[in-house]
Structures are given as C-alpha cells and as structure tokens.
Amino acid sequence: MSDVTKRVARRLRGWQELVTVGFGRRWRLVTARAEAGMATAEYAIVTLAAVAFAGLLLAIFRGGEVRDLLLGIIRDALSV
C-alpha cells in the first residue's frame, strides 16, 4: 500500500469515527427528548383503558342472566 493510500485511509477512519460518535450523541439527545413525557402519557392511556374495561364489566354483571349464573356457581361451590 502506498504512503498516499495509507494517509487517505487514516484520514477516512478519522472522519468515520467523528461522524459515528457525533451521530450517536445526537441520536441519544433526540430520543431522550422525544420520550420525555411518554411515561405519563402511557399511564394515562392505561388508566383510561382500565376505566373503560371496568365500565364494561359493570354493565355485563348488572344484567340479570350473568348475576343468576354467578350466584348459581357460588351456591354450587358453597354446597359442596
């Protein structure tokens, strides 16, 4: 390998390291900023889903058929 080729290769490796390190640092900053409020938003969505599911269960269990079915299961279990 000639001397010029070696110098060019060294210089390219230097630029590659500079770009890679710089990009990695910028990427960490961007992703850290983008996810700053994600935990709060995720908790809010999960809470809303839990409330909706509880409302659905309440509507189902208030129905007469389901209540009678559950009471029958409980009576059978207690009579054993």
N, C-alpha and C. Protein backbone atom coordinates (compact mmCIF):
# COMPACT_ATOMS: atom_id res chain seq x y z
N MET A 1 0.86 -1.16 0.00
CA MET A 1 0.00 0.00 0.00
C MET A 1 0.91 1.23 0.00
N SER A 2 0.58 2.18 -0.82
CA SER A 2 1.44 3.36 -0.92
C SER A 2 1.22 4.30 0.26
N ASP A 3 2.13 5.23 0.42
CA ASP A 3 2.08 6.18 1.53
C ASP A 3 0.84 7.06 1.43
N VAL A 4 0.50 7.45 0.21
CA VAL A 4 -0.69 8.30 0.00
C VAL A 4 -1.95 7.53 0.37
N THR A 5 -2.02 6.29 -0.02
CA THR A 5 -3.18 5.46 0.30
C THR A 5 -3.34 5.29 1.80
N LYS A 6 -2.23 5.11 2.49
CA LYS A 6 -2.29 4.97 3.95
C LYS A 6 -2.78 6.25 4.61
N ARG A 7 -2.29 7.41 4.11
CA ARG A 7 -2.73 8.69 4.69
C ARG A 7 -4.21 8.92 4.44
N VAL A 8 -4.67 8.59 3.25
CA VAL A 8 -6.10 8.76 2.92
C VAL A 8 -6.94 7.83 3.78
N ALA A 9 -6.49 6.59 3.96
CA ALA A 9 -7.24 5.63 4.78
C ALA A 9 -7.31 6.10 6.22
N ARG A 10 -6.18 6.63 6.75
CA ARG A 10 -6.19 7.14 8.13
C ARG A 10 -7.16 8.31 8.27
N ARG A 11 -7.13 9.19 7.29
CA ARG A 11 -8.00 10.37 7.34
C ARG A 11 -9.47 9.95 7.24
N LEU A 12 -9.77 8.96 6.40
CA LEU A 12 -11.15 8.49 6.29
C LEU A 12 -11.62 7.83 7.58
N ARG A 13 -10.75 7.06 8.23
CA ARG A 13 -11.12 6.46 9.51
C ARG A 13 -11.40 7.54 10.55
N GLY A 14 -10.62 8.60 10.54
CA GLY A 14 -10.85 9.70 11.46
C GLY A 14 -12.21 10.35 11.23
N TRP A 15 -12.55 10.57 9.96
CA TRP A 15 -13.86 11.16 9.65
C TRP A 15 -14.99 10.21 10.02
N GLN A 16 -14.77 8.93 9.77
CA GLN A 16 -15.80 7.94 10.10
C GLN A 16 -16.06 7.93 11.60
N GLU A 17 -15.01 7.96 12.41
CA GLU A 17 -15.19 7.99 13.86
C GLU A 17 -15.89 9.26 14.30
N LEU A 18 -15.51 10.39 13.70
CA LEU A 18 -16.13 11.67 14.05
C LEU A 18 -17.62 11.65 13.74
N VAL A 19 -17.97 11.17 12.56
CA VAL A 19 -19.38 11.13 12.17
C VAL A 19 -20.15 10.14 13.03
N THR A 20 -19.58 8.97 13.28
CA THR A 20 -20.26 7.94 14.07
C THR A 20 -20.49 8.41 15.50
N VAL A 21 -19.47 8.96 16.13
CA VAL A 21 -19.61 9.44 17.50
C VAL A 21 -20.58 10.61 17.56
N GLY A 22 -20.45 11.54 16.62
CA GLY A 22 -21.35 12.70 16.60
C GLY A 22 -22.79 12.29 16.37
N PHE A 23 -23.01 11.37 15.45
CA PHE A 23 -24.37 10.91 15.17
C PHE A 23 -24.96 10.20 16.38
N GLY A 24 -24.16 9.35 17.02
CA GLY A 24 -24.64 8.63 18.20
C GLY A 24 -25.04 9.58 19.31
N ARG A 25 -24.25 10.61 19.52
CA ARG A 25 -24.55 11.60 20.57
C ARG A 25 -25.84 12.35 20.23
N ARG A 26 -25.96 12.77 18.96
CA ARG A 26 -27.18 13.49 18.55
C ARG A 26 -28.40 12.58 18.65
N TRP A 27 -28.26 11.31 18.26
CA TRP A 27 -29.38 10.37 18.32
C TRP A 27 -29.86 10.17 19.75
N ARG A 28 -28.93 10.06 20.70
CA ARG A 28 -29.31 9.91 22.11
C ARG A 28 -30.05 11.14 22.60
N LEU A 29 -29.61 12.32 22.18
CA LEU A 29 -30.30 13.55 22.60
C LEU A 29 -31.71 13.62 22.02
N VAL A 30 -31.85 13.27 20.75
CA VAL A 30 -33.17 13.32 20.11
C VAL A 30 -34.12 12.33 20.75
N THR A 31 -33.67 11.10 20.97
CA THR A 31 -34.57 10.10 21.55
C THR A 31 -34.89 10.41 23.00
N ALA A 32 -33.96 11.00 23.72
CA ALA A 32 -34.24 11.36 25.12
C ALA A 32 -35.30 12.45 25.18
N ARG A 33 -35.23 13.41 24.27
CA ARG A 33 -36.23 14.48 24.26
C ARG A 33 -37.58 13.96 23.80
N ALA A 34 -37.59 13.06 22.83
CA ALA A 34 -38.86 12.56 22.29
C ALA A 34 -39.62 11.73 23.32
N GLU A 35 -38.91 11.06 24.22
CA GLU A 35 -39.56 10.19 25.19
C GLU A 35 -39.70 10.83 26.56
N ALA A 36 -39.52 12.13 26.65
CA ALA A 36 -39.53 12.80 27.95
C ALA A 36 -40.87 12.64 28.65
N GLY A 37 -42.00 12.76 27.96
CA GLY A 37 -43.30 12.66 28.61
C GLY A 37 -44.03 11.37 28.33
N MET A 38 -43.34 10.38 27.78
CA MET A 38 -44.01 9.15 27.38
C MET A 38 -44.57 8.37 28.56
N ALA A 39 -43.88 8.34 29.66
CA ALA A 39 -44.36 7.55 30.80
C ALA A 39 -45.70 8.08 31.29
N THR A 40 -45.83 9.38 31.38
CA THR A 40 -47.09 9.97 31.84
C THR A 40 -48.21 9.68 30.85
N ALA A 41 -47.94 9.81 29.57
CA ALA A 41 -48.96 9.54 28.55
C ALA A 41 -49.37 8.07 28.57
N GLU A 42 -48.41 7.19 28.74
CA GLU A 42 -48.73 5.76 28.79
C GLU A 42 -49.58 5.42 30.01
N TYR A 43 -49.26 6.01 31.15
CA TYR A 43 -50.07 5.78 32.34
C TYR A 43 -51.49 6.29 32.14
N ALA A 44 -51.64 7.42 31.48
CA ALA A 44 -52.97 7.97 31.23
C ALA A 44 -53.78 7.05 30.32
N ILE A 45 -53.16 6.53 29.28
CA ILE A 45 -53.87 5.65 28.36
C ILE A 45 -54.27 4.35 29.05
N VAL A 46 -53.36 3.78 29.84
CA VAL A 46 -53.67 2.54 30.55
C VAL A 46 -54.79 2.77 31.57
N THR A 47 -54.77 3.92 32.24
CA THR A 47 -55.83 4.23 33.20
C THR A 47 -57.18 4.36 32.51
N LEU A 48 -57.21 5.03 31.37
CA LEU A 48 -58.47 5.15 30.62
C LEU A 48 -58.96 3.79 30.15
N ALA A 49 -58.06 2.94 29.70
CA ALA A 49 -58.45 1.60 29.27
C ALA A 49 -59.00 0.79 30.44
N ALA A 50 -58.39 0.92 31.62
CA ALA A 50 -58.87 0.19 32.79
C ALA A 50 -60.25 0.67 33.21
N VAL A 51 -60.48 1.97 33.15
CA VAL A 51 -61.80 2.52 33.50
C VAL A 51 -62.85 2.04 32.50
N ALA A 52 -62.50 2.03 31.22
CA ALA A 52 -63.45 1.55 30.21
C ALA A 52 -63.76 0.08 30.42
N PHE A 53 -62.75 -0.72 30.73
CA PHE A 53 -62.96 -2.15 30.97
C PHE A 53 -63.82 -2.37 32.22
N ALA A 54 -63.59 -1.58 33.26
CA ALA A 54 -64.40 -1.69 34.48
C ALA A 54 -65.85 -1.33 34.19
N GLY A 55 -66.06 -0.31 33.37
CA GLY A 55 -67.43 0.05 32.99
C GLY A 55 -68.11 -1.05 32.21
N LEU A 56 -67.36 -1.69 31.32
CA LEU A 56 -67.91 -2.80 30.55
C LEU A 56 -68.28 -3.97 31.46
N LEU A 57 -67.39 -4.31 32.39
CA LEU A 57 -67.69 -5.39 33.33
C LEU A 57 -68.90 -5.05 34.20
N LEU A 58 -68.99 -3.81 34.62
CA LEU A 58 -70.13 -3.39 35.44
C LEU A 58 -71.43 -3.54 34.66
N ALA A 59 -71.42 -3.14 33.40
CA ALA A 59 -72.63 -3.27 32.58
C ALA A 59 -72.99 -4.74 32.38
N ILE A 60 -72.00 -5.59 32.20
CA ILE A 60 -72.27 -7.02 32.00
C ILE A 60 -72.81 -7.65 33.27
N PHE A 61 -72.17 -7.36 34.41
CA PHE A 61 -72.57 -8.01 35.66
C PHE A 61 -73.88 -7.48 36.22
N ARG A 62 -74.32 -6.32 35.77
CA ARG A 62 -75.62 -5.81 36.22
C ARG A 62 -76.77 -6.51 35.51
N GLY A 63 -76.47 -7.18 34.43
CA GLY A 63 -77.52 -7.92 33.72
C GLY A 63 -78.00 -9.09 34.56
N GLY A 64 -79.28 -9.42 34.46
CA GLY A 64 -79.87 -10.47 35.27
C GLY A 64 -79.32 -11.85 35.00
N GLU A 65 -79.07 -12.17 33.74
CA GLU A 65 -78.59 -13.51 33.40
C GLU A 65 -77.21 -13.78 33.99
N VAL A 66 -76.33 -12.84 33.89
CA VAL A 66 -74.98 -13.03 34.40
C VAL A 66 -75.00 -13.14 35.92
N ARG A 67 -75.81 -12.29 36.56
CA ARG A 67 -75.90 -12.34 38.02
C ARG A 67 -76.43 -13.69 38.48
N ASP A 68 -77.47 -14.19 37.82
CA ASP A 68 -78.03 -15.50 38.18
C ASP A 68 -77.00 -16.62 37.94
N LEU A 69 -76.26 -16.53 36.85
CA LEU A 69 -75.24 -17.52 36.56
C LEU A 69 -74.15 -17.52 37.64
N LEU A 70 -73.68 -16.34 38.02
CA LEU A 70 -72.65 -16.24 39.06
C LEU A 70 -73.16 -16.72 40.41
N LEU A 71 -74.39 -16.35 40.75
CA LEU A 71 -74.96 -16.81 42.02
C LEU A 71 -75.11 -18.33 42.03
N GLY A 72 -75.48 -18.91 40.89
CA GLY A 72 -75.58 -20.36 40.79
C GLY A 72 -74.24 -21.04 41.00
N ILE A 73 -73.19 -20.47 40.42
CA ILE A 73 -71.84 -21.02 40.60
C ILE A 73 -71.42 -20.93 42.06
N ILE A 74 -71.70 -19.80 42.69
CA ILE A 74 -71.32 -19.62 44.10
C ILE A 74 -72.11 -20.57 44.99
N ARG A 75 -73.41 -20.74 44.73
CA ARG A 75 -74.22 -21.66 45.54
C ARG A 75 -73.72 -23.09 45.40
N ASP A 76 -73.41 -23.49 44.16
CA ASP A 76 -72.88 -24.84 43.93
C ASP A 76 -71.55 -25.05 44.66
N ALA A 77 -70.71 -24.04 44.65
CA ALA A 77 -69.41 -24.16 45.31
C ALA A 77 -69.56 -24.24 46.82
N LEU A 78 -70.52 -23.50 47.38
CA LEU A 78 -70.70 -23.49 48.83
C LEU A 78 -71.44 -24.73 49.32
N SER A 79 -72.22 -25.36 48.46
CA SER A 79 -72.98 -26.53 48.89
C SER A 79 -72.13 -27.80 48.90
N VAL A 80 -70.98 -27.78 48.34
CA VAL A 80 -70.12 -28.97 48.28
C VAL A 80 -69.50 -29.28 49.59
